[in-house]
Amino acid sequence: MKSKRQQEILRIIEAKDVETQDQLLSELKERGVHSTQATISRDIKELHLIKELTGSGTYKYAISDRKASLNFAGRLRTIFKEGVTSFDLAQNIVVIKTMPGLASAACAAIDGMEIGGLVGSLAGDDTALLIMRTNEAAAEFCSEIHKMLK
């Protein structure tokens, strides 16, 4: 039900300029989706909808340009936090051990974090290698991993 409602909200705001939650509720009702204002408010937050200025000087709900990256980065951080079992460094190389099958997800999470000093990453099944530009960058990143995993 929630997924259907949220998909319908996205269709509505793509097709029409919707200024208020009341308008959104009315549009949903016309399409056979009954909801409450509180639920719509939560949906707007979960969908990362924003209000943007229209050419006529009014505001409308719109999909944030950052929505996809915010959701993706958050999920990858969760995967990283839940999947990493240990880490260590050898000069400018950071070795991350993960649960089986999660090294690729850990590397994707790291790549999505835009870490300064990271040259590249390589993932196996349960081991990820991160090549850092300097030994100091590797040590600093290990410190960040330690904080993230607490």
N, C-alpha and C. Protein backbone atom coordinates (compact mmCIF):
# COMPACT_ATOMS: atom_id res chain seq x y z
N MET A 1 0.83 -1.19 0.00
CA MET A 1 0.00 0.00 0.00
C MET A 1 0.87 1.25 0.00
N LYS A 2 1.88 1.28 0.89
CA LYS A 2 2.75 2.44 0.99
C LYS A 2 3.49 2.68 -0.33
N SER A 3 4.04 1.61 -0.88
CA SER A 3 4.78 1.72 -2.13
C SER A 3 3.88 2.24 -3.26
N LYS A 4 2.67 1.70 -3.34
CA LYS A 4 1.72 2.13 -4.37
C LYS A 4 1.38 3.61 -4.19
N ARG A 5 1.13 4.02 -2.95
CA ARG A 5 0.79 5.41 -2.66
C ARG A 5 1.94 6.34 -3.03
N GLN A 6 3.15 5.94 -2.66
CA GLN A 6 4.30 6.79 -2.96
C GLN A 6 4.56 6.87 -4.46
N GLN A 7 4.37 5.78 -5.17
CA GLN A 7 4.51 5.82 -6.63
C GLN A 7 3.46 6.74 -7.25
N GLU A 8 2.26 6.71 -6.70
CA GLU A 8 1.19 7.58 -7.20
C GLU A 8 1.51 9.04 -6.92
N ILE A 9 2.08 9.32 -5.77
CA ILE A 9 2.49 10.69 -5.44
C ILE A 9 3.50 11.18 -6.46
N LEU A 10 4.46 10.35 -6.79
CA LEU A 10 5.48 10.74 -7.78
C LEU A 10 4.85 10.99 -9.14
N ARG A 11 3.88 10.15 -9.54
CA ARG A 11 3.20 10.36 -10.82
C ARG A 11 2.43 11.68 -10.82
N ILE A 12 1.77 11.96 -9.70
CA ILE A 12 0.96 13.19 -9.61
C ILE A 12 1.84 14.43 -9.74
N ILE A 13 2.94 14.48 -8.99
CA ILE A 13 3.76 15.69 -9.03
C ILE A 13 4.52 15.84 -10.34
N GLU A 14 4.70 14.74 -11.06
CA GLU A 14 5.30 14.84 -12.39
C GLU A 14 4.29 15.41 -13.39
N ALA A 15 3.02 15.08 -13.21
CA ALA A 15 1.98 15.50 -14.15
C ALA A 15 1.39 16.87 -13.86
N LYS A 16 1.37 17.29 -12.59
CA LYS A 16 0.70 18.53 -12.20
C LYS A 16 1.56 19.33 -11.24
N ASP A 17 1.29 20.63 -11.19
CA ASP A 17 1.92 21.47 -10.18
C ASP A 17 1.07 21.39 -8.91
N VAL A 18 1.58 20.71 -7.90
CA VAL A 18 0.87 20.54 -6.64
C VAL A 18 1.55 21.42 -5.60
N GLU A 19 0.78 22.37 -5.05
CA GLU A 19 1.34 23.34 -4.11
C GLU A 19 1.22 22.92 -2.65
N THR A 20 0.17 22.16 -2.30
CA THR A 20 -0.07 21.85 -0.88
C THR A 20 -0.33 20.36 -0.68
N GLN A 21 -0.22 19.96 0.58
CA GLN A 21 -0.54 18.57 0.93
C GLN A 21 -2.02 18.30 0.72
N ASP A 22 -2.87 19.30 0.96
CA ASP A 22 -4.31 19.11 0.72
C ASP A 22 -4.58 18.81 -0.75
N GLN A 23 -3.90 19.53 -1.65
CA GLN A 23 -4.06 19.25 -3.08
C GLN A 23 -3.61 17.84 -3.40
N LEU A 24 -2.51 17.44 -2.79
CA LEU A 24 -1.99 16.10 -3.02
C LEU A 24 -2.97 15.03 -2.52
N LEU A 25 -3.56 15.27 -1.34
CA LEU A 25 -4.57 14.35 -0.81
C LEU A 25 -5.76 14.24 -1.75
N SER A 26 -6.21 15.36 -2.29
CA SER A 26 -7.34 15.37 -3.22
C SER A 26 -7.02 14.58 -4.49
N GLU A 27 -5.82 14.81 -5.01
CA GLU A 27 -5.41 14.08 -6.22
C GLU A 27 -5.34 12.58 -5.97
N LEU A 28 -4.81 12.20 -4.81
CA LEU A 28 -4.75 10.79 -4.46
C LEU A 28 -6.14 10.19 -4.35
N LYS A 29 -7.04 10.93 -3.70
CA LYS A 29 -8.41 10.46 -3.51
C LYS A 29 -9.09 10.24 -4.86
N GLU A 30 -8.87 11.17 -5.80
CA GLU A 30 -9.45 11.03 -7.15
C GLU A 30 -8.94 9.78 -7.85
N ARG A 31 -7.76 9.34 -7.49
CA ARG A 31 -7.16 8.16 -8.10
C ARG A 31 -7.43 6.89 -7.28
N GLY A 32 -8.28 7.02 -6.26
CA GLY A 32 -8.67 5.86 -5.46
C GLY A 32 -7.71 5.51 -4.34
N VAL A 33 -6.81 6.42 -3.99
CA VAL A 33 -5.85 6.17 -2.91
C VAL A 33 -6.24 7.05 -1.74
N HIS A 34 -6.71 6.43 -0.67
CA HIS A 34 -7.14 7.19 0.51
C HIS A 34 -6.01 7.22 1.54
N SER A 35 -5.80 8.38 2.11
CA SER A 35 -4.71 8.56 3.06
C SER A 35 -5.03 9.70 4.00
N THR A 36 -4.11 9.97 4.93
CA THR A 36 -4.26 11.09 5.85
C THR A 36 -3.15 12.11 5.59
N GLN A 37 -3.32 13.29 6.11
CA GLN A 37 -2.31 14.34 5.95
C GLN A 37 -0.99 13.93 6.60
N ALA A 38 -1.08 13.30 7.76
CA ALA A 38 0.13 12.88 8.47
C ALA A 38 0.91 11.85 7.64
N THR A 39 0.21 10.94 7.01
CA THR A 39 0.86 9.92 6.18
C THR A 39 1.51 10.57 4.96
N ILE A 40 0.80 11.51 4.35
CA ILE A 40 1.34 12.22 3.19
C ILE A 40 2.60 13.00 3.59
N SER A 41 2.56 13.59 4.75
CA SER A 41 3.72 14.33 5.25
C SER A 41 4.93 13.41 5.38
N ARG A 42 4.71 12.21 5.93
CA ARG A 42 5.81 11.23 6.05
C ARG A 42 6.29 10.79 4.67
N ASP A 43 5.36 10.58 3.75
CA ASP A 43 5.73 10.19 2.39
C ASP A 43 6.60 11.25 1.73
N ILE A 44 6.23 12.51 1.91
CA ILE A 44 7.00 13.61 1.32
C ILE A 44 8.42 13.59 1.86
N LYS A 45 8.56 13.34 3.14
CA LYS A 45 9.88 13.29 3.75
C LYS A 45 10.67 12.09 3.23
N GLU A 46 10.05 10.92 3.19
CA GLU A 46 10.73 9.71 2.74
C GLU A 46 11.13 9.78 1.27
N LEU A 47 10.31 10.47 0.47
CA LEU A 47 10.58 10.60 -0.96
C LEU A 47 11.55 11.75 -1.26
N HIS A 48 11.94 12.48 -0.20
CA HIS A 48 12.83 13.63 -0.34
C HIS A 48 12.28 14.66 -1.32
N LEU A 49 10.97 14.89 -1.24
CA LEU A 49 10.37 15.89 -2.11
C LEU A 49 10.71 17.28 -1.58
N ILE A 50 10.85 18.20 -2.50
CA ILE A 50 11.15 19.58 -2.15
C ILE A 50 10.08 20.47 -2.77
N LYS A 51 10.04 21.71 -2.32
CA LYS A 51 9.18 22.70 -2.97
C LYS A 51 10.08 23.59 -3.79
N GLU A 52 9.74 23.70 -5.07
CA GLU A 52 10.53 24.56 -5.95
C GLU A 52 9.64 25.63 -6.55
N LEU A 53 10.26 26.74 -6.87
CA LEU A 53 9.55 27.88 -7.43
C LEU A 53 9.19 27.61 -8.88
N THR A 54 7.94 27.91 -9.24
CA THR A 54 7.50 27.76 -10.63
C THR A 54 7.70 29.08 -11.36
N GLY A 55 7.52 29.06 -12.66
CA GLY A 55 7.66 30.26 -13.47
C GLY A 55 6.63 31.32 -13.14
N SER A 56 5.50 30.90 -12.56
CA SER A 56 4.43 31.85 -12.23
C SER A 56 4.57 32.41 -10.81
N GLY A 57 5.65 32.08 -10.13
CA GLY A 57 5.89 32.62 -8.79
C GLY A 57 5.28 31.83 -7.65
N THR A 58 4.68 30.68 -7.95
CA THR A 58 4.14 29.82 -6.90
C THR A 58 5.14 28.68 -6.65
N TYR A 59 4.86 27.90 -5.64
CA TYR A 59 5.72 26.76 -5.34
C TYR A 59 5.00 25.46 -5.65
N LYS A 60 5.76 24.43 -6.00
CA LYS A 60 5.19 23.11 -6.25
C LYS A 60 6.13 22.05 -5.69
N TYR A 61 5.55 20.89 -5.41
CA TYR A 61 6.37 19.76 -4.98
C TYR A 61 7.14 19.22 -6.17
N ALA A 62 8.38 18.84 -5.91
CA ALA A 62 9.24 18.29 -6.97
C ALA A 62 10.17 17.25 -6.36
N ILE A 63 10.70 16.42 -7.21
CA ILE A 63 11.65 15.41 -6.78
C ILE A 63 13.01 16.07 -6.68
N SER A 64 13.65 15.91 -5.55
CA SER A 64 14.97 16.50 -5.34
C SER A 64 15.97 15.87 -6.28
N ASP A 65 16.85 16.67 -6.85
CA ASP A 65 17.92 16.15 -7.70
C ASP A 65 18.84 15.24 -6.91
N ARG A 66 18.91 15.46 -5.60
CA ARG A 66 19.80 14.68 -4.74
C ARG A 66 19.12 13.44 -4.17
N LYS A 67 17.84 13.23 -4.45
CA LYS A 67 17.10 12.11 -3.85
C LYS A 67 17.79 10.77 -4.08
N ALA A 68 18.12 10.48 -5.31
CA ALA A 68 18.72 9.18 -5.61
C ALA A 68 20.06 9.02 -4.91
N SER A 69 20.89 10.04 -4.95
CA SER A 69 22.20 9.92 -4.32
C SER A 69 22.09 9.83 -2.81
N LEU A 70 21.14 10.54 -2.20
CA LEU A 70 20.96 10.46 -0.75
C LEU A 70 20.54 9.06 -0.33
N ASN A 71 19.56 8.50 -1.02
CA ASN A 71 19.09 7.16 -0.66
C ASN A 71 20.19 6.12 -0.90
N PHE A 72 20.87 6.23 -2.02
CA PHE A 72 21.90 5.28 -2.38
C PHE A 72 23.05 5.34 -1.37
N ALA A 73 23.52 6.54 -1.07
CA ALA A 73 24.64 6.69 -0.13
C ALA A 73 24.27 6.17 1.25
N GLY A 74 23.08 6.46 1.71
CA GLY A 74 22.64 6.00 3.02
C GLY A 74 22.58 4.49 3.10
N ARG A 75 22.05 3.87 2.08
CA ARG A 75 21.97 2.41 2.07
C ARG A 75 23.35 1.79 2.02
N LEU A 76 24.23 2.38 1.21
CA LEU A 76 25.57 1.83 1.12
C LEU A 76 26.33 1.99 2.44
N ARG A 77 26.12 3.10 3.14
CA ARG A 77 26.77 3.27 4.44
C ARG A 77 26.29 2.20 5.42
N THR A 78 25.00 1.88 5.36
CA THR A 78 24.45 0.84 6.23
C THR A 78 25.08 -0.51 5.88
N ILE A 79 25.18 -0.81 4.60
CA ILE A 79 25.81 -2.06 4.18
C ILE A 79 27.25 -2.11 4.67
N PHE A 80 27.95 -0.99 4.52
CA PHE A 80 29.34 -0.92 4.97
C PHE A 80 29.43 -1.17 6.46
N LYS A 81 28.60 -0.49 7.22
CA LYS A 81 28.64 -0.61 8.68
C LYS A 81 28.29 -2.03 9.14
N GLU A 82 27.31 -2.64 8.50
CA GLU A 82 26.85 -3.97 8.90
C GLU A 82 27.73 -5.09 8.34
N GLY A 83 28.41 -4.84 7.21
CA GLY A 83 29.12 -5.92 6.54
C GLY A 83 30.60 -6.04 6.84
N VAL A 84 31.22 -4.98 7.35
CA VAL A 84 32.66 -5.02 7.61
C VAL A 84 32.94 -5.76 8.91
N THR A 85 33.86 -6.73 8.85
CA THR A 85 34.21 -7.50 10.05
C THR A 85 35.54 -7.05 10.64
N SER A 86 36.48 -6.57 9.81
CA SER A 86 37.75 -6.07 10.31
C SER A 86 38.43 -5.24 9.23
N PHE A 87 39.48 -4.52 9.63
CA PHE A 87 40.24 -3.73 8.67
C PHE A 87 41.65 -3.54 9.21
N ASP A 88 42.59 -3.30 8.30
CA ASP A 88 43.97 -3.06 8.70
C ASP A 88 44.63 -2.29 7.56
N LEU A 89 45.84 -1.78 7.81
CA LEU A 89 46.54 -1.07 6.76
C LEU A 89 47.98 -1.55 6.66
N ALA A 90 48.51 -1.44 5.46
CA ALA A 90 49.91 -1.73 5.18
C ALA A 90 50.40 -0.59 4.29
N GLN A 91 51.09 0.34 4.89
CA GLN A 91 51.55 1.55 4.23
C GLN A 91 50.36 2.30 3.63
N ASN A 92 50.27 2.40 2.31
CA ASN A 92 49.17 3.16 1.72
C ASN A 92 48.00 2.28 1.27
N ILE A 93 47.97 1.03 1.68
CA ILE A 93 46.90 0.11 1.30
C ILE A 93 46.07 -0.24 2.54
N VAL A 94 44.76 -0.08 2.41
CA VAL A 94 43.84 -0.46 3.47
C VAL A 94 43.16 -1.76 3.04
N VAL A 95 43.17 -2.75 3.92
CA VAL A 95 42.53 -4.04 3.65
C VAL A 95 41.30 -4.13 4.54
N ILE A 96 40.16 -4.35 3.92
CA ILE A 96 38.90 -4.46 4.66
C ILE A 96 38.35 -5.86 4.46
N LYS A 97 38.07 -6.53 5.57
CA LYS A 97 37.45 -7.86 5.52
C LYS A 97 35.95 -7.67 5.79
N THR A 98 35.14 -8.39 5.02
CA THR A 98 33.69 -8.29 5.15
C THR A 98 33.08 -9.67 5.33
N MET A 99 31.80 -9.67 5.58
CA MET A 99 31.05 -10.93 5.56
C MET A 99 31.09 -11.42 4.11
N PRO A 100 30.99 -12.74 3.89
CA PRO A 100 31.06 -13.28 2.53
C PRO A 100 30.09 -12.59 1.57
N GLY A 101 30.63 -12.21 0.41
CA GLY A 101 29.81 -11.61 -0.64
C GLY A 101 29.60 -10.11 -0.52
N LEU A 102 30.12 -9.46 0.53
CA LEU A 102 29.83 -8.04 0.75
C LEU A 102 31.00 -7.10 0.45
N ALA A 103 32.12 -7.60 0.01
CA ALA A 103 33.26 -6.72 -0.27
C ALA A 103 32.92 -5.73 -1.38
N SER A 104 32.22 -6.18 -2.39
CA SER A 104 31.84 -5.29 -3.49
C SER A 104 30.93 -4.16 -3.00
N ALA A 105 30.00 -4.50 -2.12
CA ALA A 105 29.10 -3.48 -1.56
C ALA A 105 29.89 -2.50 -0.70
N ALA A 106 30.85 -3.00 0.06
CA ALA A 106 31.69 -2.12 0.89
C ALA A 106 32.47 -1.16 0.00
N CYS A 107 33.04 -1.66 -1.09
CA CYS A 107 33.77 -0.78 -2.02
C CYS A 107 32.85 0.25 -2.66
N ALA A 108 31.65 -0.17 -3.02
CA ALA A 108 30.70 0.78 -3.60
C ALA A 108 30.36 1.86 -2.59
N ALA A 109 30.21 1.48 -1.33
CA ALA A 109 29.93 2.46 -0.29
C ALA A 109 31.08 3.44 -0.16
N ILE A 110 32.28 2.93 -0.15
CA ILE A 110 33.47 3.77 -0.02
C ILE A 110 33.61 4.69 -1.23
N ASP A 111 33.43 4.15 -2.41
CA ASP A 111 33.52 4.98 -3.62
C ASP A 111 32.48 6.10 -3.61
N GLY A 112 31.31 5.82 -3.03
CA GLY A 112 30.25 6.82 -2.96
C GLY A 112 30.48 7.88 -1.90
N MET A 113 31.45 7.68 -1.03
CA MET A 113 31.71 8.62 0.05
C MET A 113 32.66 9.74 -0.35
N GLU A 114 33.20 9.71 -1.55
CA GLU A 114 34.10 10.74 -2.05
C GLU A 114 35.21 11.03 -1.05
N ILE A 115 36.01 10.03 -0.76
CA ILE A 115 37.07 10.12 0.23
C ILE A 115 38.32 10.71 -0.42
N GLY A 116 38.82 11.79 0.18
CA GLY A 116 40.06 12.39 -0.30
C GLY A 116 41.21 11.45 -0.07
N GLY A 117 42.10 11.36 -1.04
CA GLY A 117 43.27 10.49 -0.91
C GLY A 117 43.04 9.08 -1.41
N LEU A 118 41.81 8.74 -1.77
CA LEU A 118 41.53 7.40 -2.28
C LEU A 118 41.83 7.37 -3.78
N VAL A 119 42.74 6.49 -4.18
CA VAL A 119 43.08 6.35 -5.59
C VAL A 119 42.11 5.38 -6.26
N GLY A 120 41.80 4.28 -5.57
CA GLY A 120 40.89 3.30 -6.13
C GLY A 120 40.63 2.16 -5.17
N SER A 121 39.66 1.32 -5.53
CA SER A 121 39.32 0.18 -4.69
C SER A 121 39.17 -1.06 -5.57
N LEU A 122 39.38 -2.21 -4.96
CA LEU A 122 39.26 -3.49 -5.65
C LEU A 122 38.62 -4.47 -4.69
N ALA A 123 37.58 -5.17 -5.13
CA ALA A 123 36.84 -6.06 -4.25
C ALA A 123 36.89 -7.50 -4.73
N GLY A 124 37.06 -8.39 -3.77
CA GLY A 124 36.89 -9.81 -4.01
C GLY A 124 35.56 -10.20 -3.39
N ASP A 125 35.48 -11.43 -2.88
CA ASP A 125 34.25 -11.89 -2.25
C ASP A 125 34.08 -11.31 -0.85
N ASP A 126 35.14 -11.45 -0.04
CA ASP A 126 35.05 -10.98 1.34
C ASP A 126 36.22 -10.08 1.74
N THR A 127 36.96 -9.59 0.74
CA THR A 127 38.10 -8.72 1.01
C THR A 127 38.10 -7.56 0.02
N ALA A 128 38.32 -6.36 0.56
CA ALA A 128 38.42 -5.17 -0.28
C ALA A 128 39.79 -4.54 -0.06
N LEU A 129 40.43 -4.13 -1.14
CA LEU A 129 41.69 -3.41 -1.07
C LEU A 129 41.44 -1.97 -1.50
N LEU A 130 41.90 -1.05 -0.68
CA LEU A 130 41.79 0.37 -1.00
C LEU A 130 43.19 0.92 -1.16
N ILE A 131 43.47 1.51 -2.29
CA ILE A 131 44.77 2.11 -2.52
C ILE A 131 44.63 3.60 -2.25
N MET A 132 45.36 4.05 -1.24
CA MET A 132 45.33 5.46 -0.85
C MET A 132 46.56 6.15 -1.44
N ARG A 133 46.48 7.44 -1.60
CA ARG A 133 47.57 8.19 -2.20
C ARG A 133 48.83 8.20 -1.32
N THR A 134 48.64 8.26 -0.01
CA THR A 134 49.79 8.32 0.91
C THR A 134 49.54 7.40 2.12
N ASN A 135 50.61 7.11 2.84
CA ASN A 135 50.49 6.33 4.08
C ASN A 135 49.63 7.08 5.09
N GLU A 136 49.78 8.40 5.13
CA GLU A 136 49.01 9.22 6.07
C GLU A 136 47.51 9.16 5.75
N ALA A 137 47.18 9.21 4.47
CA ALA A 137 45.78 9.12 4.05
C ALA A 137 45.18 7.77 4.46
N ALA A 138 45.98 6.71 4.35
CA ALA A 138 45.51 5.37 4.74
C ALA A 138 45.25 5.32 6.24
N ALA A 139 46.17 5.88 7.02
CA ALA A 139 46.00 5.89 8.49
C ALA A 139 44.79 6.71 8.88
N GLU A 140 44.61 7.84 8.23
CA GLU A 140 43.47 8.71 8.54
C GLU A 140 42.16 8.01 8.18
N PHE A 141 42.14 7.32 7.05
CA PHE A 141 40.92 6.61 6.65
C PHE A 141 40.61 5.48 7.62
N CYS A 142 41.63 4.76 8.08
CA CYS A 142 41.40 3.70 9.07
C CYS A 142 40.80 4.28 10.35
N SER A 143 41.23 5.45 10.73
CA SER A 143 40.65 6.12 11.89
C SER A 143 39.17 6.42 11.65
N GLU A 144 38.83 6.85 10.44
CA GLU A 144 37.44 7.13 10.09
C GLU A 144 36.60 5.85 10.09
N ILE A 145 37.17 4.76 9.59
CA ILE A 145 36.46 3.48 9.61
C ILE A 145 36.16 3.08 11.04
N HIS A 146 37.16 3.23 11.90
CA HIS A 146 36.98 2.89 13.32
C HIS A 146 35.82 3.68 13.92
N LYS A 147 35.75 4.97 13.64
CA LYS A 147 34.65 5.81 14.15
C LYS A 147 33.30 5.35 13.58
N MET A 148 33.30 5.04 12.27
CA MET A 148 32.05 4.66 11.60
C MET A 148 31.50 3.34 12.16
N LEU A 149 32.39 2.43 12.50
CA LEU A 149 31.95 1.11 12.95
C LEU A 149 31.58 1.06 14.43
N LYS A 150 31.81 2.14 15.18
CA LYS A 150 31.44 2.17 16.60
C LYS A 150 29.96 2.20 16.77
